[in-house]
Amino acid sequence: MVSRGGLLLATHPVQGNSIRFPAKGNCLKGSIGVHWFLFMAINPRFQRLALLTGSETLEACARTRVMVFGVGGVGSWCAEALVRSGIGDLAVVDSDRVCVTNINRQVQAVSSTLGQAKVEALKARLLEINPGCRVQAFGRVFSRAAADSFTIETADYIIDAIDSLTYKLDLIEAAAQRGIRLYASMGMARKLDPTQLKIADIWETQGCALARLVRSGLRKRGFQGHFTVVYSAEQLPFQRGIPVSCGSAQCHCPTRAFKEDEAGNPSVEWCSSKKAINGSAVPVTAAAGMILASLVIRDIYARYTPEPEQEALLEAARV
């Protein structure tokens, strides 16, 4: 018995040991035997989650493909949470490289990964968590013109954690055109309190500057669809007098030293194009990523939960 994502395996090596099933004719009878079989068949990495969601939800997670666009302070934590929750097929998309200034908030940013492509560093980490997960790395920019090359129609869910407004709008449109459920992060800079994070329909957020810009951009494009976003109205003042080298000749960004990534994609240097370099804190960015991952898992769980709870759970996952 083999399953996508390394969830159900007849012989699953765990620290050199294999899971053994009883020989034919010696199986336990009735529901106790079935439950014992399922418990033993579940990849030990996810047994604690199975105790919460049940085996059907976990098997569904293993069959699910999620694409995470933008693997910075929000997207990287979202990707990790998805893999730790048994998602069996994950794509991570980002054109940037790990910079020393990423260490305060991005899960793949450590001293040993400085200069590496973010998606490759993250892929290596995710496969350490679950070697059975299919992880695909796209080290290039998503745009309307390049949308087809990402084959996003193969995804069951799309996570939008893109910073660039134009490319964010491109992804939202592309997902809607292909009928793929999308969950998006709004601005997470200049915030320190993760308890102020909320989820809402994009047309119903309040106090979020990026959400306001997204709505304006979507209206100009004639977009009338709906999708759920994570946002916060918190806005701390900009700290003046703090020296910032990003975008200057002293920029720490390693992308400047590379014309292309390991796959031959042209490197993109973002720092100098930003109007301002805003501060951000990992309690907020990571919490936003975790909420995005939970929306995916809760939506899957709702589909495998008996009535009458199912409709309430589905509605909650969609806000």
C-alpha atoms as a PDB file:
ATOM      1  CA  MET A   1       0.000   0.000   0.000  1.00  0.00           C
ATOM      2  CA  VAL A   2       1.636   3.215  -1.206  1.00  0.00           C
ATOM      3  CA  SER A   3       0.180   6.705  -1.220  1.00  0.00           C
ATOM      4  CA  ARG A   4       1.186  10.026  -2.690  1.00  0.00           C
ATOM      5  CA  GLY A   5       2.975  12.221  -0.220  1.00  0.00           C
ATOM      6  CA  GLY A   6       4.325   9.315   1.814  1.00  0.00           C
ATOM      7  CA  LEU A   7       1.182   9.043   3.954  1.00  0.00           C
ATOM      8  CA  LEU A   8       0.239   5.367   3.785  1.00  0.00           C
ATOM      9  CA  LEU A   9       3.014   2.848   3.281  1.00  0.00           C
ATOM     10  CA  ALA A  10       3.095  -0.926   3.698  1.00  0.00           C
ATOM     11  CA  THR A  11       6.700  -0.736   4.825  1.00  0.00           C
ATOM     12  CA  HIS A  12       7.663   2.690   6.009  1.00  0.00           C
ATOM     13  CA  PRO A  13      11.270   3.052   7.216  1.00  0.00           C
ATOM     14  CA  VAL A  14      11.515   5.006  10.444  1.00  0.00           C
ATOM     15  CA  GLN A  15      15.040   5.173  11.810  1.00  0.00           C
ATOM     16  CA  GLY A  16      15.892   1.903  10.107  1.00  0.00           C
ATOM     17  CA  ASN A  17      12.738   0.044  11.172  1.00  0.00           C
ATOM     18  CA  SER A  18       9.748  -1.024   9.087  1.00  0.00           C
ATOM     19  CA  ILE A  19       6.079  -1.162   9.973  1.00  0.00           C
ATOM     20  CA  ARG A  20       4.815  -4.749   9.822  1.00  0.00           C
ATOM     21  CA  PHE A  21       1.234  -5.813   9.246  1.00  0.00           C
ATOM     22  CA  PRO A  22      -0.177  -9.127  10.542  1.00  0.00           C
ATOM     23  CA  ALA A  23      -0.043 -12.053   8.138  1.00  0.00           C
ATOM     24  CA  LYS A  24      -3.171 -13.058   6.283  1.00  0.00           C
ATOM     25  CA  GLY A  25      -5.556 -14.883   8.565  1.00  0.00           C
ATOM     26  CA  ASN A  26      -4.157 -13.325  11.714  1.00  0.00           C
ATOM     27  CA  CYS A  27      -5.783  -9.884  11.366  1.00  0.00           C
ATOM     28  CA  LEU A  28      -7.920  -8.593  14.190  1.00  0.00           C
ATOM     29  CA  LYS A  29     -11.674  -8.763  13.676  1.00  0.00           C
ATOM     30  CA  GLY A  30     -14.134  -5.912  13.549  1.00  0.00           C
ATOM     31  CA  SER A  31     -13.645  -2.191  13.984  1.00  0.00           C
ATOM     32  CA  ILE A  32     -10.781  -2.588  16.452  1.00  0.00           C
ATOM     33  CA  GLY A  33      -8.817  -4.437  13.799  1.00  0.00           C
ATOM     34  CA  VAL A  34      -9.596  -1.770  11.188  1.00  0.00           C
ATOM     35  CA  HIS A  35      -8.585   1.059  13.514  1.00  0.00           C
ATOM     36  CA  TRP A  36      -5.382  -0.764  14.455  1.00  0.00           C
ATOM     37  CA  PHE A  37      -4.575  -1.264  10.784  1.00  0.00           C
ATOM     38  CA  LEU A  38      -5.149   2.388   9.919  1.00  0.00           C
ATOM     39  CA  PHE A  39      -3.142   3.580  12.912  1.00  0.00           C
ATOM     40  CA  MET A  40      -0.211   1.384  11.935  1.00  0.00           C
ATOM     41  CA  ALA A  41      -0.481   2.326   8.241  1.00  0.00           C
ATOM     42  CA  ILE A  42      -0.272   6.060   8.824  1.00  0.00           C
ATOM     43  CA  ASN A  43       3.161   7.587   8.404  1.00  0.00           C
ATOM     44  CA  PRO A  44       4.378   8.166  11.998  1.00  0.00           C
ATOM     45  CA  ARG A  45       5.230  11.746  11.050  1.00  0.00           C
ATOM     46  CA  PHE A  46       1.518  12.493  10.888  1.00  0.00           C
ATOM     47  CA  GLN A  47      -0.026  10.224  13.530  1.00  0.00           C
ATOM     48  CA  ARG A  48      -0.692  13.129  15.905  1.00  0.00           C
ATOM     49  CA  LEU A  49      -2.499  15.011  13.139  1.00  0.00           C
ATOM     50  CA  ALA A  50      -4.497  11.898  12.220  1.00  0.00           C
ATOM     51  CA  LEU A  51      -5.708  11.678  15.821  1.00  0.00           C
ATOM     52  CA  LEU A  52      -7.189  15.147  15.275  1.00  0.00           C
ATOM     53  CA  THR A  53      -8.491  14.996  11.699  1.00  0.00           C
ATOM     54  CA  GLY A  54      -8.975  11.298  11.002  1.00  0.00           C
ATOM     55  CA  SER A  55      -7.272   9.171   8.377  1.00  0.00           C
ATOM     56  CA  GLU A  56      -9.542  10.208   5.476  1.00  0.00           C
ATOM     57  CA  THR A  57      -8.591  13.863   5.839  1.00  0.00           C
ATOM     58  CA  LEU A  58      -4.923  12.966   6.101  1.00  0.00           C
ATOM     59  CA  GLU A  59      -5.096  10.806   2.980  1.00  0.00           C
ATOM     60  CA  ALA A  60      -6.825  13.693   1.180  1.00  0.00           C
ATOM     61  CA  CYS A  61      -4.004  16.020   2.247  1.00  0.00           C
ATOM     62  CA  ALA A  62      -1.504  13.595   0.736  1.00  0.00           C
ATOM     63  CA  ARG A  63      -3.369  13.798  -2.597  1.00  0.00           C
ATOM     64  CA  THR A  64      -3.561  17.605  -2.536  1.00  0.00           C
ATOM     65  CA  ARG A  65      -1.362  19.928  -4.581  1.00  0.00           C
ATOM     66  CA  VAL A  66      -0.734  23.434  -3.219  1.00  0.00           C
ATOM     67  CA  MET A  67       1.280  26.178  -4.900  1.00  0.00           C
ATOM     68  CA  VAL A  68       2.818  28.864  -2.670  1.00  0.00           C
ATOM     69  CA  PHE A  69       3.785  32.051  -4.500  1.00  0.00           C
ATOM     70  CA  GLY A  70       6.304  34.102  -2.553  1.00  0.00           C
ATOM     71  CA  VAL A  71       8.334  32.302   0.117  1.00  0.00           C
ATOM     72  CA  GLY A  72       9.427  35.191   2.284  1.00  0.00           C
ATOM     73  CA  GLY A  73       8.294  36.011   5.807  1.00  0.00           C
ATOM     74  CA  VAL A  74       4.755  34.708   5.215  1.00  0.00           C
ATOM     75  CA  GLY A  75       5.019  32.139   2.426  1.00  0.00           C
ATOM     76  CA  SER A  76       7.985  30.220   3.821  1.00  0.00           C
ATOM     77  CA  TRP A  77       6.184  29.482   7.109  1.00  0.00           C
ATOM     78  CA  CYS A  78       3.013  28.609   5.227  1.00  0.00           C
ATOM     79  CA  ALA A  79       4.917  26.094   3.086  1.00  0.00           C
ATOM     80  CA  GLU A  80       6.471  24.472   6.147  1.00  0.00           C
ATOM     81  CA  ALA A  81       3.107  24.228   7.922  1.00  0.00           C
ATOM     82  CA  LEU A  82       1.560  22.592   4.853  1.00  0.00           C
ATOM     83  CA  VAL A  83       4.271  19.935   4.625  1.00  0.00           C
ATOM     84  CA  ARG A  84       4.092  19.287   8.373  1.00  0.00           C
ATOM     85  CA  SER A  85       0.333  18.829   7.883  1.00  0.00           C
ATOM     86  CA  GLY A  86       0.763  16.055   5.329  1.00  0.00           C
ATOM     87  CA  ILE A  87       0.257  17.947   2.059  1.00  0.00           C
ATOM     88  CA  GLY A  88       1.777  15.580  -0.478  1.00  0.00           C
ATOM     89  CA  ASP A  89       2.462  17.858  -3.438  1.00  0.00           C
ATOM     90  CA  LEU A  90       3.809  21.374  -2.996  1.00  0.00           C
ATOM     91  CA  ALA A  91       5.227  23.966  -5.377  1.00  0.00           C
ATOM     92  CA  VAL A  92       7.161  26.993  -4.089  1.00  0.00           C
ATOM     93  CA  VAL A  93       7.668  30.035  -6.284  1.00  0.00           C
ATOM     94  CA  ASP A  94      10.129  32.892  -5.720  1.00  0.00           C
ATOM     95  CA  SER A  95      12.927  34.490  -7.754  1.00  0.00           C
ATOM     96  CA  ASP A  96      14.913  35.854  -4.805  1.00  0.00           C
ATOM     97  CA  ARG A  97      17.997  34.637  -2.915  1.00  0.00           C
ATOM     98  CA  VAL A  98      18.485  34.347   0.831  1.00  0.00           C
ATOM     99  CA  CYS A  99      19.853  37.590   2.251  1.00  0.00           C
ATOM    100  CA  VAL A 100      21.199  38.202   5.733  1.00  0.00           C
ATOM    101  CA  THR A 101      18.341  40.662   6.263  1.00  0.00           C
ATOM    102  CA  ASN A 102      15.873  37.758   5.809  1.00  0.00           C
ATOM    103  CA  ILE A 103      17.099  35.895   8.888  1.00  0.00           C
ATOM    104  CA  ASN A 104      14.754  37.681  11.291  1.00  0.00           C
ATOM    105  CA  ARG A 105      11.590  36.348   9.621  1.00  0.00           C
ATOM    106  CA  GLN A 106      12.062  33.675   6.905  1.00  0.00           C
ATOM    107  CA  VAL A 107      12.190  30.008   7.869  1.00  0.00           C
ATOM    108  CA  GLN A 108      14.829  28.948   5.313  1.00  0.00           C
ATOM    109  CA  ALA A 109      17.100  31.922   6.069  1.00  0.00           C
ATOM    110  CA  VAL A 110      20.013  30.811   8.246  1.00  0.00           C
ATOM    111  CA  SER A 111      23.748  31.483   8.105  1.00  0.00           C
ATOM    112  CA  SER A 112      24.426  28.380   6.015  1.00  0.00           C
ATOM    113  CA  THR A 113      21.863  29.283   3.303  1.00  0.00           C
ATOM    114  CA  LEU A 114      22.945  32.885   2.628  1.00  0.00           C
ATOM    115  CA  GLY A 115      23.161  33.455  -1.117  1.00  0.00           C
ATOM    116  CA  GLN A 116      21.161  30.360  -2.013  1.00  0.00           C
ATOM    117  CA  ALA A 117      17.971  30.555  -4.061  1.00  0.00           C
ATOM    118  CA  LYS A 118      15.132  30.841  -1.544  1.00  0.00           C
ATOM    119  CA  VAL A 119      13.069  28.130  -3.194  1.00  0.00           C
ATOM    120  CA  GLU A 120      15.987  25.676  -3.279  1.00  0.00           C
ATOM    121  CA  ALA A 121      16.923  26.314   0.360  1.00  0.00           C
ATOM    122  CA  LEU A 122      13.284  25.893   1.360  1.00  0.00           C
ATOM    123  CA  LYS A 123      12.854  22.763  -0.761  1.00  0.00           C
ATOM    124  CA  ALA A 124      15.801  21.116   1.004  1.00  0.00           C
ATOM    125  CA  ARG A 125      14.268  21.932   4.391  1.00  0.00           C
ATOM    126  CA  LEU A 126      10.817  20.662   3.407  1.00  0.00           C
ATOM    127  CA  LEU A 127      12.216  17.351   2.166  1.00  0.00           C
ATOM    128  CA  GLU A 128      13.991  16.929   5.497  1.00  0.00           C
ATOM    129  CA  ILE A 129      10.574  17.201   7.134  1.00  0.00           C
ATOM    130  CA  ASN A 130       8.864  14.743   4.766  1.00  0.00           C
ATOM    131  CA  PRO A 131      11.036  13.028   2.133  1.00  0.00           C
ATOM    132  CA  GLY A 132       7.862  11.549   0.651  1.00  0.00           C
ATOM    133  CA  CYS A 133       6.449  14.943  -0.303  1.00  0.00           C
ATOM    134  CA  ARG A 134       6.774  16.053  -3.921  1.00  0.00           C
ATOM    135  CA  VAL A 135       8.309  19.526  -3.758  1.00  0.00           C
ATOM    136  CA  GLN A 136       8.699  21.565  -6.936  1.00  0.00           C
ATOM    137  CA  ALA A 137      10.772  24.767  -6.935  1.00  0.00           C
ATOM    138  CA  PHE A 138      10.167  27.609  -9.402  1.00  0.00           C
ATOM    139  CA  GLY A 139      12.952  30.177  -9.122  1.00  0.00           C
ATOM    140  CA  ARG A 140      11.368  32.790 -11.313  1.00  0.00           C
ATOM    141  CA  VAL A 141       8.815  35.616 -11.237  1.00  0.00           C
ATOM    142  CA  PHE A 142       5.144  34.874 -11.787  1.00  0.00           C
ATOM    143  CA  SER A 143       3.427  37.253 -14.190  1.00  0.00           C
ATOM    144  CA  ARG A 144       0.405  37.299 -16.455  1.00  0.00           C
ATOM    145  CA  ALA A 145       2.614  36.717 -19.501  1.00  0.00           C
ATOM    146  CA  ALA A 146       4.360  33.726 -17.912  1.00  0.00           C
ATOM    147  CA  ALA A 147       1.314  32.226 -16.195  1.00  0.00           C
ATOM    148  CA  ASP A 148       1.014  29.179 -18.461  1.00  0.00           C
ATOM    149  CA  SER A 149       4.583  28.069 -17.718  1.00  0.00           C
ATOM    150  CA  PHE A 150       3.677  27.510 -14.055  1.00  0.00           C
ATOM    151  CA  THR A 151       0.841  25.067 -14.908  1.00  0.00           C
ATOM    152  CA  ILE A 152      -1.206  26.461 -12.042  1.00  0.00           C
ATOM    153  CA  GLU A 153      -4.232  24.614 -13.344  1.00  0.00           C
ATOM    154  CA  THR A 154      -2.735  21.499 -11.711  1.00  0.00           C
ATOM    155  CA  ALA A 155      -3.107  23.037  -8.237  1.00  0.00           C
ATOM    156  CA  ASP A 156      -5.948  22.377  -5.830  1.00  0.00           C
ATOM    157  CA  TYR A 157      -5.082  25.490  -3.806  1.00  0.00           C
ATOM    158  CA  ILE A 158      -2.984  28.595  -4.413  1.00  0.00           C
ATOM    159  CA  ILE A 159      -1.367  30.671  -1.678  1.00  0.00           C
ATOM    160  CA  ASP A 160      -0.609  34.267  -2.627  1.00  0.00           C
ATOM    161  CA  ALA A 161       2.215  35.675  -0.506  1.00  0.00           C
ATOM    162  CA  ILE A 162       3.572  37.982  -3.225  1.00  0.00           C
ATOM    163  CA  ASP A 163       4.828  41.473  -2.338  1.00  0.00           C
ATOM    164  CA  SER A 164       4.588  43.072  -5.804  1.00  0.00           C
ATOM    165  CA  LEU A 165       1.123  44.525  -6.414  1.00  0.00           C
ATOM    166  CA  THR A 166       1.146  43.925 -10.175  1.00  0.00           C
ATOM    167  CA  TYR A 167       2.179  40.284  -9.906  1.00  0.00           C
ATOM    168  CA  LYS A 168      -0.231  39.780  -7.008  1.00  0.00           C
ATOM    169  CA  LEU A 169      -3.096  40.963  -9.196  1.00  0.00           C
ATOM    170  CA  ASP A 170      -1.862  38.753 -12.049  1.00  0.00           C
ATOM    171  CA  LEU A 171      -1.948  35.682  -9.797  1.00  0.00           C
ATOM    172  CA  ILE A 172      -5.388  36.473  -8.385  1.00  0.00           C
ATOM    173  CA  GLU A 173      -6.779  36.819 -11.899  1.00  0.00           C
ATOM    174  CA  ALA A 174      -5.066  33.654 -13.146  1.00  0.00           C
ATOM    175  CA  ALA A 175      -6.402  31.580 -10.242  1.00  0.00           C
ATOM    176  CA  ALA A 176      -9.938  32.882 -10.727  1.00  0.00           C
ATOM    177  CA  GLN A 177      -9.862  32.226 -14.473  1.00  0.00           C
ATOM    178  CA  ARG A 178      -8.881  28.611 -13.798  1.00  0.00           C
ATOM    179  CA  GLY A 179     -11.333  28.101 -10.944  1.00  0.00           C
ATOM    180  CA  ILE A 180      -8.668  27.421  -8.304  1.00  0.00           C
ATOM    181  CA  ARG A 181      -9.254  28.312  -4.669  1.00  0.00           C
ATOM    182  CA  LEU A 182      -6.860  31.081  -3.596  1.00  0.00           C
ATOM    183  CA  TYR A 183      -5.960  32.369  -0.140  1.00  0.00           C
ATOM    184  CA  ALA A 184      -3.945  35.583  -0.001  1.00  0.00           C
ATOM    185  CA  SER A 185      -1.805  37.483   2.453  1.00  0.00           C
ATOM    186  CA  MET A 186      -2.098  41.227   2.606  1.00  0.00           C
ATOM    187  CA  GLY A 187       0.606  43.537   4.004  1.00  0.00           C
ATOM    188  CA  MET A 188       2.441  42.213   7.070  1.00  0.00           C
ATOM    189  CA  ALA A 189       5.100  44.919   7.466  1.00  0.00           C
ATOM    190  CA  ARG A 190       5.062  47.517  10.285  1.00  0.00           C
ATOM    191  CA  LYS A 191       3.126  45.169  12.567  1.00  0.00           C
ATOM    192  CA  LEU A 192       4.138  43.640  15.896  1.00  0.00           C
ATOM    193  CA  ASP A 193       0.949  42.082  17.286  1.00  0.00           C
ATOM    194  CA  PRO A 194      -0.135  38.785  15.671  1.00  0.00           C
ATOM    195  CA  THR A 195      -3.360  38.762  17.684  1.00  0.00           C
ATOM    196  CA  GLN A 196      -4.631  41.567  15.440  1.00  0.00           C
ATOM    197  CA  LEU A 197      -4.575  39.316  12.372  1.00  0.00           C
ATOM    198  CA  LYS A 198      -7.972  38.627  10.818  1.00  0.00           C
ATOM    199  CA  ILE A 199      -9.431  36.719   7.887  1.00  0.00           C
ATOM    200  CA  ALA A 200     -12.063  38.209   5.593  1.00  0.00           C
ATOM    201  CA  ASP A 201     -13.232  38.433   2.018  1.00  0.00           C
ATOM    202  CA  ILE A 202     -11.015  40.821   0.029  1.00  0.00           C
ATOM    203  CA  TRP A 203     -13.935  43.223  -0.373  1.00  0.00           C
ATOM    204  CA  GLU A 204     -14.599  43.364   3.374  1.00  0.00           C
ATOM    205  CA  THR A 205     -11.221  44.188   4.935  1.00  0.00           C
ATOM    206  CA  GLN A 206     -10.796  47.352   6.965  1.00  0.00           C
ATOM    207  CA  GLY A 207      -7.681  49.369   7.726  1.00  0.00           C
ATOM    208  CA  CYS A 208      -5.240  47.473   5.470  1.00  0.00           C
ATOM    209  CA  ALA A 209      -3.452  49.664   2.942  1.00  0.00           C
ATOM    210  CA  LEU A 210      -2.380  46.799   0.670  1.00  0.00           C
ATOM    211  CA  ALA A 211      -5.875  45.305   0.611  1.00  0.00           C
ATOM    212  CA  ARG A 212      -7.181  48.705  -0.435  1.00  0.00           C
ATOM    213  CA  LEU A 213      -4.668  48.822  -3.311  1.00  0.00           C
ATOM    214  CA  VAL A 214      -5.553  45.262  -4.319  1.00  0.00           C
ATOM    215  CA  ARG A 215      -9.248  46.120  -4.467  1.00  0.00           C
ATOM    216  CA  SER A 216      -8.533  49.211  -6.539  1.00  0.00           C
ATOM    217  CA  GLY A 217      -6.357  47.238  -8.944  1.00  0.00           C
ATOM    218  CA  LEU A 218      -8.932  44.484  -9.290  1.00  0.00           C
ATOM    219  CA  ARG A 219     -11.704  46.972 -10.028  1.00  0.00           C
ATOM    220  CA  LYS A 220      -9.594  48.501 -12.801  1.00  0.00           C
ATOM    221  CA  ARG A 221      -9.187  45.037 -14.296  1.00  0.00           C
ATOM    222  CA  GLY A 222     -12.924  44.360 -14.088  1.00  0.00           C
ATOM    223  CA  PHE A 223     -12.476  41.603 -11.504  1.00  0.00           C
ATOM    224  CA  GLN A 224     -15.576  40.834  -9.425  1.00  0.00           C
ATOM    225  CA  GLY A 225     -14.640  37.527  -7.804  1.00  0.00           C
ATOM    226  CA  HIS A 226     -14.204  36.676  -4.144  1.00  0.00           C
ATOM    227  CA  PHE A 227     -11.367  35.145  -2.156  1.00  0.00           C
ATOM    228  CA  THR A 228     -10.245  35.010   1.459  1.00  0.00           C
ATOM    229  CA  VAL A 229      -7.355  37.100   2.762  1.00  0.00           C
ATOM    230  CA  VAL A 230      -5.335  37.367   5.950  1.00  0.00           C
ATOM    231  CA  TYR A 231      -4.811  40.973   7.026  1.00  0.00           C
ATOM    232  CA  SER A 232      -4.223  43.322   9.942  1.00  0.00           C
ATOM    233  CA  ALA A 233      -5.133  46.943  10.495  1.00  0.00           C
ATOM    234  CA  GLU A 234      -2.153  47.468  12.812  1.00  0.00           C
ATOM    235  CA  GLN A 235       0.269  50.113  11.507  1.00  0.00           C
ATOM    236  CA  LEU A 236       3.231  51.073  13.641  1.00  0.00           C
ATOM    237  CA  PRO A 237       5.068  54.325  12.842  1.00  0.00           C
ATOM    238  CA  PHE A 238       8.111  54.219  10.603  1.00  0.00           C
ATOM    239  CA  GLN A 239      11.320  54.348  12.648  1.00  0.00           C
ATOM    240  CA  ARG A 240      13.464  57.145  11.291  1.00  0.00           C
ATOM    241  CA  GLY A 241      17.161  57.362  11.910  1.00  0.00           C
ATOM    242  CA  ILE A 242      17.775  53.639  11.384  1.00  0.00           C
ATOM    243  CA  PRO A 243      20.387  53.181   8.642  1.00  0.00           C
ATOM    244  CA  VAL A 244      19.133  50.988   5.777  1.00  0.00           C
ATOM    245  CA  SER A 245      21.561  49.740   3.149  1.00  0.00           C
ATOM    246  CA  CYS A 246      18.981  47.851   1.081  1.00  0.00           C
ATOM    247  CA  GLY A 247      18.827  49.222  -2.450  1.00  0.00           C
ATOM    248  CA  SER A 248      22.032  51.237  -2.051  1.00  0.00           C
ATOM    249  CA  ALA A 249      25.572  50.513  -3.189  1.00  0.00           C
ATOM    250  CA  GLN A 250      26.096  48.830   0.194  1.00  0.00           C
ATOM    251  CA  CYS A 251      23.061  46.533  -0.224  1.00  0.00           C
ATOM    252  CA  HIS A 252      23.493  43.088   1.330  1.00  0.00           C
ATOM    253  CA  CYS A 253      21.303  41.451  -1.330  1.00  0.00           C
ATOM    254  CA  PRO A 254      23.181  38.443  -2.792  1.00  0.00           C
ATOM    255  CA  THR A 255      21.159  38.615  -6.007  1.00  0.00           C
ATOM    256  CA  ARG A 256      23.506  41.362  -7.223  1.00  0.00           C
ATOM    257  CA  ALA A 257      26.314  38.815  -7.470  1.00  0.00           C
ATOM    258  CA  PHE A 258      24.321  36.414  -9.681  1.00  0.00           C
ATOM    259  CA  LYS A 259      23.028  37.009 -13.201  1.00  0.00           C
ATOM    260  CA  GLU A 260      20.921  33.848 -13.083  1.00  0.00           C
ATOM    261  CA  ASP A 261      19.931  31.085 -10.707  1.00  0.00           C
ATOM    262  CA  GLU A 262      20.917  27.407 -10.736  1.00  0.00           C
ATOM    263  CA  ALA A 263      18.192  26.643 -13.297  1.00  0.00           C
ATOM    264  CA  GLY A 264      19.248  29.447 -15.652  1.00  0.00           C
ATOM    265  CA  ASN A 265      16.452  31.850 -14.700  1.00  0.00           C
ATOM    266  CA  PRO A 266      17.532  35.507 -14.699  1.00  0.00           C
ATOM    267  CA  SER A 267      18.075  36.923 -11.219  1.00  0.00           C
ATOM    268  CA  VAL A 268      15.798  39.752 -10.135  1.00  0.00           C
ATOM    269  CA  GLU A 269      17.012  42.414  -7.708  1.00  0.00           C
ATOM    270  CA  TRP A 270      14.057  43.879  -5.810  1.00  0.00           C
ATOM    271  CA  CYS A 271      15.555  46.180  -3.179  1.00  0.00           C
ATOM    272  CA  SER A 272      16.225  49.207  -5.370  1.00  0.00           C
ATOM    273  CA  SER A 273      12.681  49.127  -6.795  1.00  0.00           C
ATOM    274  CA  LYS A 274      11.014  49.512  -3.388  1.00  0.00           C
ATOM    275  CA  LYS A 275       9.781  52.951  -2.350  1.00  0.00           C
ATOM    276  CA  ALA A 276      10.661  52.178   1.258  1.00  0.00           C
ATOM    277  CA  ILE A 277      12.120  49.327   3.283  1.00  0.00           C
ATOM    278  CA  ASN A 278       9.621  48.618   6.034  1.00  0.00           C
ATOM    279  CA  GLY A 279      10.317  46.706   9.227  1.00  0.00           C
ATOM    280  CA  SER A 280       8.673  43.349   9.895  1.00  0.00           C
ATOM    281  CA  ALA A 281       8.583  40.831  12.743  1.00  0.00           C
ATOM    282  CA  VAL A 282       8.427  37.036  12.609  1.00  0.00           C
ATOM    283  CA  PRO A 283       5.612  36.649  15.174  1.00  0.00           C
ATOM    284  CA  VAL A 284       3.350  38.435  12.687  1.00  0.00           C
ATOM    285  CA  THR A 285       4.656  37.079   9.376  1.00  0.00           C
ATOM    286  CA  ALA A 286       4.836  33.489  10.644  1.00  0.00           C
ATOM    287  CA  ALA A 287       1.366  33.718  12.196  1.00  0.00           C
ATOM    288  CA  ALA A 288      -0.038  34.935   8.871  1.00  0.00           C
ATOM    289  CA  GLY A 289       1.613  32.012   7.093  1.00  0.00           C
ATOM    290  CA  MET A 290       0.218  29.574   9.627  1.00  0.00           C
ATOM    291  CA  ILE A 291      -3.286  30.996   9.185  1.00  0.00           C
ATOM    292  CA  LEU A 292      -3.031  30.589   5.407  1.00  0.00           C
ATOM    293  CA  ALA A 293      -1.953  26.962   5.836  1.00  0.00           C
ATOM    294  CA  SER A 294      -4.799  26.376   8.287  1.00  0.00           C
ATOM    295  CA  LEU A 295      -7.334  27.639   5.732  1.00  0.00           C
ATOM    296  CA  VAL A 296      -6.182  24.934   3.332  1.00  0.00           C
ATOM    297  CA  ILE A 297      -6.179  22.159   5.943  1.00  0.00           C
ATOM    298  CA  ARG A 298      -9.519  23.227   7.398  1.00  0.00           C
ATOM    299  CA  ASP A 299     -11.096  23.295   3.936  1.00  0.00           C
ATOM    300  CA  ILE A 300      -9.878  19.741   3.264  1.00  0.00           C
ATOM    301  CA  TYR A 301     -11.010  18.615   6.723  1.00  0.00           C
ATOM    302  CA  ALA A 302     -14.465  20.103   6.183  1.00  0.00           C
ATOM    303  CA  ARG A 303     -14.952  17.983   3.086  1.00  0.00           C
ATOM    304  CA  TYR A 304     -14.359  14.800   5.088  1.00  0.00           C
ATOM    305  CA  THR A 305     -16.435  15.725   8.144  1.00  0.00           C
ATOM    306  CA  PRO A 306     -19.945  14.217   8.484  1.00  0.00           C
ATOM    307  CA  GLU A 307     -23.022  16.400   8.504  1.00  0.00           C
ATOM    308  CA  PRO A 308     -24.173  18.591  10.217  1.00  0.00           C
ATOM    309  CA  GLU A 309     -20.720  20.042  10.943  1.00  0.00           C
ATOM    310  CA  GLN A 310     -19.544  20.051   7.312  1.00  0.00           C
ATOM    311  CA  GLU A 311     -21.366  23.148   6.070  1.00  0.00           C
ATOM    312  CA  ALA A 312     -20.298  25.193   9.081  1.00  0.00           C
ATOM    313  CA  LEU A 313     -16.665  24.164   8.615  1.00  0.00           C
ATOM    314  CA  LEU A 314     -16.706  24.885   4.887  1.00  0.00           C
ATOM    315  CA  GLU A 315     -18.198  28.301   5.536  1.00  0.00           C
ATOM    316  CA  ALA A 316     -15.595  29.051   8.210  1.00  0.00           C
ATOM    317  CA  ALA A 317     -12.746  28.073   5.870  1.00  0.00           C
ATOM    318  CA  ARG A 318     -14.113  30.468   3.271  1.00  0.00           C
ATOM    319  CA  VAL A 319     -14.864  33.177   5.849  1.00  0.00           C
END
